[in-house]
Amino acid sequence: MIEREVAIVTGASKGIGKAIVLKLADENKIVCAFARTQNKIDELVRLNKNIIPFIGDITNKSFVENSVNKILNDFGKVDHLINNAGMAVFKKFVDSNIEDLQKQIDINLYAVFNLTKALVNHFIERRSGTIINISSLAGKNGFAYGTTYASTKHALMGFTKSLFMELREYDIRVSAVCPGSVETEMIIDSPVRPQKIDKALKPDDVAEVVSTIIKMPANALISEIELRPNNVK
């Protein structure tokens, strides 16, 4: 079994996921970066050889299970799972449809279930592991144009809190990170774009929080954290 820490990060090719991958790789962790797009991940691998790409659809149960099995066979363990992949459809409710909701459920909830389910017995057997779900302040509040998105993030918060209660006895840490507006492709061209986009959080801010959660002593846990832009008026 390898001595270095091994992390899985989903949604790794851009935005918050890319920042998390680079942050953990710079800390000399082996980072298994899950994404749909090969060329963007290849760019990350060129930046840091600690990054190992896994290209595929994380809503596909077989792909997830096969990938996790390969990681466990290659390294003998996984220490951290960061469920970051997400998508948002921002529309007035009267203009939304069930397909919009389903697409977001698939990525924002079902994919999280898939990865977590594939790893949970491994974490239980080792009595160790960190699961960090990148949620949103939309998982705690409602907002205009966000009925479908906020619904999925509220569901993710319920999943995270319940999982925390089940796994705590096995010394497994389960955390939710709830950022406000982050300067990513998701919001820049959307109806919920902040007026002062330069005041929005940066992906590196979220990556710093993830790194901090992972570095906490084994007897300490940040179960939930809200991250907001400062000085936005």
Foldseek 3Di string as FASTA:
>chain_A
DDPAAEEEFEPQLDFLNVLLQVVVLVVVHQYEYEEQDDVSQVVVCVVGVSYHYQHDDLLDLVSLLVVVVVVCVVHVAHAEYELEWFAAFFDAPVPDDVVRLVVRCSRLPSSLVSNCVSCVVRCLVVLHHEYEYEAAVLLVDPDGSGPSVSVSSVVVVVVQVVVCVVSVVSLYAGAYEHEYFEPTPRQCPDPPQDPPNVQFHYSNVVSVVVVVQSPDPSVDGHRYDYHYRPPDD
